């Protein structure tokens, strides 16, 4: 029989020691008995998920964890999310991730998520942007909350554009965050001019929109970033000796990676990408998927969002929720079964920085054939002392599936 495994992926959980927590990280400062049990029963180590030369974004990091080598295969975030939404990109289409953001009256990017705008309001705004500005050159697509898409059509456009990641650019003047051409082509120059003009027009439209009236963080600007053409990622089954993988997530970027890699993507009603997500639904779906899949990848977004907010209390609560409402019930339901488990973040988001860093993340795994290295707690400071070593590439998945 094939070795089966579950990966618990806590987006943005890794952090740095904080003085106000007595030199502990948020992960180390809260009670996480389920994650600690994985570390205690198995081995700990680190994983380099954000290689140099690539964006410090979750698409790169989750591709790395799944062993899909973003160094060779990264297509940009926009096209990954387009695949998730079932948007068929033509050969000359370029998909951009398009955040709804809040820019203050003094021209500063204050909130990459427009106050974590609700799905209904975001969908209405995107639909009206499409009605007002959509044409043969540009199409707007709504996603989840602030996470939307913009697709440019035609050979006159280029994806060779320098951009700033919005959740890494908060509290920075927009004038310092302009799109620029990444090469000398007329297409890149035209794309920047086109999107800059669209940005001005849509900002005026959104600022006057009644759905933004009275909001503390109104969705008053669009933010196009991470463009690319139709993706061509390695197929999970072909790459991992015919094994079958399943993805469980609320967000299009992770679901899109799964679809691109021909993994099964399980849709969870009520999965929001925040603290109010449907944890129980994710657990049930994971257990069901494990019946006919070899690897189940359970991704939870909330910790990352709390980290970008810079809210230490919320981040610690999100970590506790992940441990108690995802990891613990899955471990309990599969107790005594010949399953391997791994837990890790996809990247750090230090609460003081509110943005991703390239520091390798802690990882722990346990299960049949994995001996204990006597690490008692899952943590950023203890994991590097474990016997799992410094993982990269496809090493994690291959170890879990015994390939």
Protein backbone atom coordinates (compact mmCIF):
# COMPACT_ATOMS: atom_id res chain seq x y z
CA UNK A 1 0.00 0.00 0.00
CA UNK A 2 1.10 3.54 -0.68
CA UNK A 3 2.19 5.59 2.35
CA UNK A 4 -0.43 8.25 3.09
CA UNK A 5 0.20 11.66 4.64
CA UNK A 6 -1.40 14.91 5.80
CA UNK A 7 0.30 18.31 5.63
CA UNK A 8 -1.01 20.96 8.03
CA UNK A 9 -0.09 24.32 6.47
CA UNK A 10 -0.44 27.37 8.74
CA UNK A 11 -0.04 30.35 6.42
CA UNK A 12 2.28 33.03 7.83
CA UNK A 13 2.60 31.46 11.30
CA UNK A 14 6.38 31.76 11.71
CA UNK A 15 7.58 34.88 13.51
CA UNK A 16 10.47 36.30 15.51
CA UNK A 17 11.05 36.46 19.30
CA UNK A 18 9.18 39.37 20.86
CA UNK A 19 10.20 41.30 23.95
CA UNK A 20 6.60 41.57 25.09
CA UNK A 21 6.37 37.76 25.02
CA UNK A 22 9.53 37.29 27.08
CA UNK A 23 11.67 36.45 24.07
CA UNK A 24 9.19 33.93 22.67
CA UNK A 25 7.52 33.97 19.30
CA UNK A 26 3.69 34.01 19.10
CA UNK A 27 3.80 30.27 18.29
CA UNK A 28 5.95 29.56 21.32
CA UNK A 29 3.87 31.75 23.63
CA UNK A 30 0.56 29.89 23.17
CA UNK A 31 -0.52 26.35 24.00
CA UNK A 32 -0.32 24.13 20.90
CA UNK A 33 -0.53 20.55 22.20
CA UNK A 34 -1.44 19.00 18.84
CA UNK A 35 1.44 20.54 16.89
CA UNK A 36 3.78 19.82 19.81
CA UNK A 37 2.74 16.16 19.69
CA UNK A 38 3.87 15.93 16.07
CA UNK A 39 7.27 17.40 17.03
CA UNK A 40 7.54 15.17 20.12
CA UNK A 41 6.67 11.94 18.28
CA UNK A 42 8.83 12.69 15.25
CA UNK A 43 11.56 14.90 13.85
CA UNK A 44 11.92 18.65 13.44
CA UNK A 45 13.86 20.76 11.00
CA UNK A 46 13.51 23.72 8.66
CA UNK A 47 12.29 24.30 5.11
CA UNK A 48 13.46 27.03 2.70
CA UNK A 49 10.20 28.01 1.00
CA UNK A 50 11.12 31.39 -0.51
CA UNK A 51 14.22 31.04 -2.69
CA UNK A 52 16.18 34.15 -3.64
CA UNK A 53 15.17 35.79 -6.89
CA UNK A 54 11.44 35.08 -6.50
CA UNK A 55 8.68 37.14 -4.85
CA UNK A 56 8.17 36.60 -1.10
CA UNK A 57 4.60 35.54 -1.72
CA UNK A 58 2.37 32.65 -0.70
CA UNK A 59 2.14 31.24 -4.21
CA UNK A 60 5.91 30.77 -4.33
CA UNK A 61 5.98 29.38 -0.77
CA UNK A 62 3.15 26.87 -1.25
CA UNK A 63 4.60 25.71 -4.56
CA UNK A 64 7.86 25.12 -2.68
CA UNK A 65 6.20 23.11 0.08
CA UNK A 66 4.52 20.90 -2.52
CA UNK A 67 7.85 20.41 -4.30
CA UNK A 68 6.70 22.13 -7.51
CA UNK A 69 9.95 24.13 -7.85
CA UNK A 70 8.88 27.74 -8.36
CA UNK A 71 12.48 28.47 -9.38
CA UNK A 72 11.64 26.76 -12.68
CA UNK A 73 7.85 26.89 -12.88
CA UNK A 74 6.55 30.09 -11.25
CA UNK A 75 3.93 31.69 -13.57
CA UNK A 76 2.84 34.68 -11.45
CA UNK A 77 0.01 34.88 -8.97
CA UNK A 78 -2.60 36.27 -11.34
CA UNK A 79 -2.69 33.25 -13.67
CA UNK A 80 -2.67 30.78 -10.76
CA UNK A 81 -5.78 32.41 -9.31
CA UNK A 82 -7.36 32.57 -12.76
CA UNK A 83 -7.06 28.79 -13.01
CA UNK A 84 -8.67 28.47 -9.58
CA UNK A 85 -11.64 30.52 -10.74
CA UNK A 86 -12.03 28.52 -13.94
CA UNK A 87 -11.02 31.46 -16.13
CA UNK A 88 -9.65 30.16 -19.43
CA UNK A 89 -6.74 32.36 -20.47
CA UNK A 90 -5.99 32.78 -24.17
CA UNK A 91 -2.38 32.64 -25.36
CA UNK A 92 -2.04 36.43 -25.31
CA UNK A 93 -4.00 37.04 -22.09
CA UNK A 94 -2.14 38.38 -19.06
CA UNK A 95 -3.75 37.85 -15.64
CA UNK A 96 -2.98 40.15 -12.72
CA UNK A 97 -4.00 39.67 -9.11
CA UNK A 98 -6.05 42.80 -8.37
CA UNK A 99 -6.54 43.78 -4.74
CA UNK A 100 -9.18 46.19 -3.57
CA UNK A 101 -7.18 48.47 -1.25
CA UNK A 102 -7.57 51.58 0.87
CA UNK A 103 -5.40 54.60 0.07
CA UNK A 104 -5.71 57.50 2.52
CA UNK A 105 -6.33 61.10 1.52
CA UNK A 106 -2.62 61.84 1.94
CA UNK A 107 -1.76 59.25 -0.74
CA UNK A 108 -0.54 56.44 1.51
CA UNK A 109 -1.41 52.75 1.06
CA UNK A 110 -3.03 52.07 4.42
CA UNK A 111 -4.78 48.70 3.98
CA UNK A 112 -4.03 46.02 1.39
CA UNK A 113 -7.44 44.40 2.05
CA UNK A 114 -9.79 47.43 2.28
CA UNK A 115 -10.67 46.45 5.84
CA UNK A 116 -11.04 42.77 4.85
CA UNK A 117 -13.95 43.77 2.69
CA UNK A 118 -16.79 41.25 2.74
CA UNK A 119 -17.39 39.03 -0.30
CA UNK A 120 -20.74 40.52 -1.23
CA UNK A 121 -19.54 44.13 -1.24
CA UNK A 122 -16.36 43.24 -3.11
CA UNK A 123 -18.29 41.30 -5.75
CA UNK A 124 -20.63 44.24 -6.33
CA UNK A 125 -17.74 46.67 -6.71
CA UNK A 126 -15.87 44.42 -9.13
CA UNK A 127 -19.04 43.85 -11.17
CA UNK A 128 -19.53 47.59 -11.45
CA UNK A 129 -15.89 48.13 -12.39
CA UNK A 130 -16.38 45.59 -15.16
CA UNK A 131 -19.57 47.28 -16.33
CA UNK A 132 -17.94 50.71 -16.28
CA UNK A 133 -14.42 49.95 -17.53
CA UNK A 134 -14.41 46.43 -18.99
CA UNK A 135 -13.88 46.17 -22.74
CA UNK A 136 -11.95 44.18 -25.36
CA UNK A 137 -8.69 45.12 -23.61
CA UNK A 138 -9.51 44.47 -19.97
CA UNK A 139 -11.78 42.24 -17.87
CA UNK A 140 -12.34 42.35 -14.10
CA UNK A 141 -13.19 39.15 -12.18
CA UNK A 142 -14.33 38.96 -8.56
CA UNK A 143 -12.71 36.50 -6.17
CA UNK A 144 -12.78 36.18 -2.37
CA UNK A 145 -12.98 39.43 -0.39
CA UNK A 146 -10.23 41.82 -1.54
CA UNK A 147 -8.58 39.12 -3.71
CA UNK A 148 -9.75 39.78 -7.27
CA UNK A 149 -8.37 39.54 -10.79
CA UNK A 150 -7.76 41.74 -13.80
CA UNK A 151 -7.01 40.25 -17.21
CA UNK A 152 -5.49 42.17 -20.15
CA UNK A 153 -6.18 40.86 -23.65
CA UNK A 154 -3.93 41.19 -26.68
CA UNK A 155 -0.36 41.15 -27.92
CA UNK A 156 0.05 44.86 -27.20
CA UNK A 157 0.35 44.04 -23.48
CA UNK A 158 3.29 42.56 -21.56
CA UNK A 159 3.74 40.73 -18.26
CA UNK A 160 7.25 42.16 -17.88
CA UNK A 161 6.15 44.64 -15.22
CA UNK A 162 7.80 45.62 -11.93
CA UNK A 163 5.24 45.83 -9.13
CA UNK A 164 4.97 46.15 -5.36
CA UNK A 165 3.21 43.49 -3.30
CA UNK A 166 0.45 45.37 -1.46
CA UNK A 167 0.55 43.47 1.84
CA UNK A 168 4.29 44.21 2.02
CA UNK A 169 3.84 47.91 1.21
CA UNK A 170 1.39 49.20 3.81
CA UNK A 171 1.99 52.69 5.21
CA UNK A 172 4.05 53.62 2.14
CA UNK A 173 3.20 56.58 -0.14
CA UNK A 174 1.60 55.33 -3.35
CA UNK A 175 3.93 57.62 -5.31
CA UNK A 176 6.79 55.31 -4.28
CA UNK A 177 4.93 52.18 -5.40
CA UNK A 178 4.24 52.86 -9.07
CA UNK A 179 4.29 50.13 -11.71
CA UNK A 180 7.33 50.30 -14.02
CA UNK A 181 8.41 48.39 -17.13
CA UNK A 182 10.74 45.46 -16.45
CA UNK A 183 12.24 45.61 -19.93
CA UNK A 184 12.63 48.09 -22.78
CA UNK A 185 9.81 46.74 -24.93
CA UNK A 186 7.03 49.04 -26.19
CA UNK A 187 4.53 46.50 -24.85
CA UNK A 188 5.80 46.84 -21.28
CA UNK A 189 5.78 50.63 -21.54
CA UNK A 190 2.23 50.62 -22.93
CA UNK A 191 1.02 48.18 -20.23
CA UNK A 192 2.27 50.48 -17.46
CA UNK A 193 0.65 53.51 -19.10
CA UNK A 194 -2.63 51.64 -19.61
CA UNK A 195 -2.84 50.31 -16.04
CA UNK A 196 -1.81 53.66 -14.57
CA UNK A 197 -4.65 55.38 -16.42
CA UNK A 198 -7.12 52.66 -15.42
CA UNK A 199 -5.97 53.13 -11.84
CA UNK A 200 -6.76 56.84 -11.94
CA UNK A 201 -10.21 56.28 -13.47
CA UNK A 202 -11.19 53.44 -11.15
CA UNK A 203 -9.98 55.36 -8.07
CA UNK A 204 -12.29 58.25 -8.88
CA UNK A 205 -15.18 55.84 -9.47
CA UNK A 206 -14.60 53.89 -6.24
CA UNK A 207 -14.07 56.99 -4.11
CA UNK A 208 -17.54 58.22 -5.08
CA UNK A 209 -19.24 54.84 -4.75
CA UNK A 210 -22.01 54.66 -2.10
CA UNK A 211 -20.79 51.24 -0.91
CA UNK A 212 -17.64 52.97 0.32
CA UNK A 213 -19.43 55.78 2.14
CA UNK A 214 -18.59 56.03 5.83
CA UNK A 215 -16.10 53.14 5.77
CA UNK A 216 -12.99 53.38 7.95
CA UNK A 217 -11.00 51.54 5.24
CA UNK A 218 -12.97 52.01 2.01
CA UNK A 219 -12.10 50.03 -1.12
CA UNK A 220 -11.12 53.16 -2.99
CA UNK A 221 -8.38 51.84 -5.29
CA UNK A 222 -7.42 48.78 -7.32
CA UNK A 223 -3.92 47.30 -7.04
CA UNK A 224 -2.78 45.13 -9.99
CA UNK A 225 0.27 42.93 -9.29
CA UNK A 226 2.02 39.61 -10.06
CA UNK A 227 1.07 39.20 -13.74
CA UNK A 228 1.61 36.22 -15.97
CA UNK A 229 0.42 34.05 -18.83
CA UNK A 230 -1.40 30.70 -18.65
CA UNK A 231 0.52 28.41 -16.23
CA UNK A 232 2.16 25.08 -16.96
CA UNK A 233 3.02 23.45 -13.62
CA UNK A 234 4.26 19.87 -13.07
CA UNK A 235 1.44 17.39 -12.50
CA UNK A 236 1.47 16.00 -8.98
CA UNK A 237 0.73 12.40 -9.98
CA UNK A 238 3.33 12.29 -12.71
CA UNK A 239 5.96 13.90 -10.51
CA UNK A 240 5.28 11.73 -7.46
CA UNK A 241 5.09 8.24 -8.94
CA UNK A 242 1.35 8.15 -9.58
CA UNK A 243 0.34 9.36 -6.13
CA UNK A 244 -2.89 11.35 -5.73
CA UNK A 245 -3.00 14.65 -3.83
CA UNK A 246 -5.87 16.79 -2.52
CA UNK A 247 -5.92 20.48 -1.57
CA UNK A 248 -8.20 22.04 1.05
CA UNK A 249 -8.09 25.84 1.22
CA UNK A 250 -10.27 28.94 1.20
CA UNK A 251 -8.11 31.06 -1.09
CA UNK A 252 -7.76 31.02 -4.86
CA UNK A 253 -3.97 31.11 -4.88
CA UNK A 254 -3.63 27.74 -3.10
CA UNK A 255 -6.59 26.17 -4.87
CA UNK A 256 -5.13 27.39 -8.16
CA UNK A 257 -1.80 25.71 -7.45
CA UNK A 258 -3.70 22.49 -6.78
CA UNK A 259 -5.66 22.71 -10.02
CA UNK A 260 -2.55 23.57 -12.04
CA UNK A 261 -0.82 20.50 -10.57
CA UNK A 262 -3.86 18.28 -11.28
CA UNK A 263 -4.57 17.71 -7.60
CA UNK A 264 -8.12 17.35 -6.32
CA UNK A 265 -9.34 20.70 -4.97
CA UNK A 266 -12.08 20.32 -2.38
CA UNK A 267 -14.45 23.27 -2.07
CA UNK A 268 -15.50 23.99 1.53
CA UNK A 269 -18.73 25.95 2.12
CA UNK A 270 -18.09 28.76 4.59
CA UNK A 271 -14.30 28.79 4.09
CA UNK A 272 -13.42 32.48 4.30
CA UNK A 273 -9.65 32.79 4.60
CA UNK A 274 -10.04 34.49 7.99
CA UNK A 275 -10.80 33.67 11.63
CA UNK A 276 -14.43 32.90 10.86
CA UNK A 277 -13.60 30.11 8.41
CA UNK A 278 -15.30 26.71 8.48
CA UNK A 279 -12.71 24.72 10.44
CA UNK A 280 -14.99 21.72 10.99
CA UNK A 281 -15.76 21.57 7.30
CA UNK A 282 -12.06 21.48 6.47
CA UNK A 283 -11.47 18.64 8.92
CA UNK A 284 -14.36 16.57 7.53
CA UNK A 285 -13.20 17.17 3.98
CA UNK A 286 -9.64 16.17 4.83
CA UNK A 287 -10.70 12.89 6.41
CA UNK A 288 -12.94 12.09 3.45
CA UNK A 289 -10.21 12.95 0.94
CA UNK A 290 -7.71 10.70 2.67
CA UNK A 291 -9.81 7.66 1.75
CA UNK A 292 -8.78 7.83 -1.91
CA UNK A 293 -5.82 10.23 -1.91
CA UNK A 294 -2.25 9.70 -0.77
CA UNK A 295 -1.53 13.28 0.35
CA UNK A 296 -4.00 15.78 1.82
CA UNK A 297 -2.84 19.38 2.11
CA UNK A 298 -4.88 21.41 4.63
CA UNK A 299 -4.17 25.12 4.23
CA UNK A 300 -5.42 27.77 6.69
CA UNK A 301 -5.05 31.44 5.79
CA UNK A 302 -6.19 33.27 8.95
CA UNK A 303 -2.82 33.44 10.72
CA UNK A 304 -1.27 35.21 7.73
CA UNK A 305 -4.05 37.79 7.62
CA UNK A 306 -3.71 38.56 11.34
CA UNK A 307 0.05 38.93 10.88
CA UNK A 308 -0.38 41.46 8.08
CA UNK A 309 -2.78 43.36 10.32
CA UNK A 310 -0.02 43.56 12.93
CA UNK A 311 -2.47 42.27 15.55
CA UNK A 312 -0.51 40.10 18.01
CA UNK A 313 -3.56 39.05 20.02
CA UNK A 314 -5.42 37.95 16.88
CA UNK A 315 -2.39 36.11 15.55
CA UNK A 316 -2.02 34.15 18.77
CA UNK A 317 -5.73 33.32 18.73
CA UNK A 318 -5.51 32.18 15.10
CA UNK A 319 -2.60 29.87 16.00
CA UNK A 320 -4.56 28.36 18.88
CA UNK A 321 -7.58 27.89 16.58
CA UNK A 322 -5.42 26.16 13.97
CA UNK A 323 -4.00 23.78 16.56
CA UNK A 324 -7.28 23.03 18.34
CA UNK A 325 -9.73 23.08 15.43
CA UNK A 326 -7.64 21.64 12.58
CA UNK A 327 -4.60 19.70 13.78
CA UNK A 328 -6.07 18.17 16.96
CA UNK A 329 -9.29 16.74 15.47
CA UNK A 330 -7.50 15.29 12.44
CA UNK A 331 -4.87 13.63 14.65
CA UNK A 332 -7.59 12.26 16.93
CA UNK A 333 -9.68 10.89 14.06
CA UNK A 334 -6.64 9.15 12.54
CA UNK A 335 -5.10 7.90 15.78
CA UNK A 336 -3.57 4.46 15.29
CA UNK A 337 -3.74 4.67 11.49
CA UNK A 338 -0.55 4.30 9.43
CA UNK A 339 -0.55 7.96 8.41
CA UNK A 340 2.38 10.38 8.36
CA UNK A 341 1.84 14.01 9.40
CA UNK A 342 3.76 17.22 8.83
CA UNK A 343 3.12 20.72 10.15
CA UNK A 344 4.72 23.96 8.96
CA UNK A 345 4.04 27.54 7.88
CA UNK A 346 4.56 28.47 4.25
CA UNK A 347 6.63 31.55 5.21
CA UNK A 348 7.20 33.88 8.17
CA UNK A 349 5.22 37.08 8.68
CA UNK A 350 6.89 38.83 11.65
CA UNK A 351 4.20 40.76 13.47
CA UNK A 352 6.43 43.84 13.74
CA UNK A 353 7.16 43.90 10.00
CA UNK A 354 3.67 42.87 8.79
CA UNK A 355 5.24 41.35 5.68
CA UNK A 356 6.81 38.11 4.50
CA UNK A 357 10.49 37.27 5.01
CA UNK A 358 12.72 34.60 3.46
CA UNK A 359 13.74 32.99 6.77
CA UNK A 360 13.41 29.19 6.54
CA UNK A 361 10.30 27.97 8.39
CA UNK A 362 10.08 25.32 11.11
CA UNK A 363 8.73 21.92 10.10
CA UNK A 364 7.95 18.78 12.09
CA UNK A 365 6.82 15.37 10.87
CA UNK A 366 5.84 12.11 12.52
CA UNK A 367 4.36 8.75 11.64
CA UNK A 368 5.37 5.21 10.71
CA UNK A 369 9.12 4.85 10.22
CA UNK A 370 9.97 8.34 11.54
CA UNK A 371 11.98 8.16 14.75
CA UNK A 372 11.80 10.83 17.43
CA UNK A 373 14.64 13.31 17.90
CA UNK A 374 13.43 14.33 21.37
CA UNK A 375 12.28 17.84 20.41
CA UNK A 376 9.37 18.50 22.77
CA UNK A 377 7.75 21.56 21.16
CA UNK A 378 7.00 22.81 17.67
CA UNK A 379 8.74 26.18 17.46
CA UNK A 380 10.93 28.41 15.32
CA UNK A 381 13.79 28.30 17.82
CA UNK A 382 13.81 24.54 18.48
CA UNK A 383 13.15 23.21 14.98
CA UNK A 384 16.64 24.01 13.61
CA UNK A 385 18.13 21.80 16.34
CA UNK A 386 16.16 18.73 15.19
CA UNK A 387 17.38 15.81 13.10
CA UNK A 388 15.16 16.40 10.08
CA UNK A 389 17.68 18.87 8.73
CA UNK A 390 17.22 21.73 6.28
CA UNK A 391 14.69 20.69 3.65
CA UNK A 392 14.10 22.20 0.23
CA UNK A 393 12.54 21.33 -3.10
CA UNK A 394 10.54 18.09 -3.15
CA UNK A 395 12.21 16.60 -0.06
CA UNK A 396 9.26 17.09 2.29
CA UNK A 397 6.64 15.42 0.10
CA UNK A 398 8.98 12.58 -0.85
CA UNK A 399 9.78 11.90 2.81
CA UNK A 400 6.09 11.92 3.72
CA UNK A 401 5.10 9.59 0.88
CA UNK A 402 8.18 7.38 1.37
CA UNK A 403 9.38 7.89 -2.21
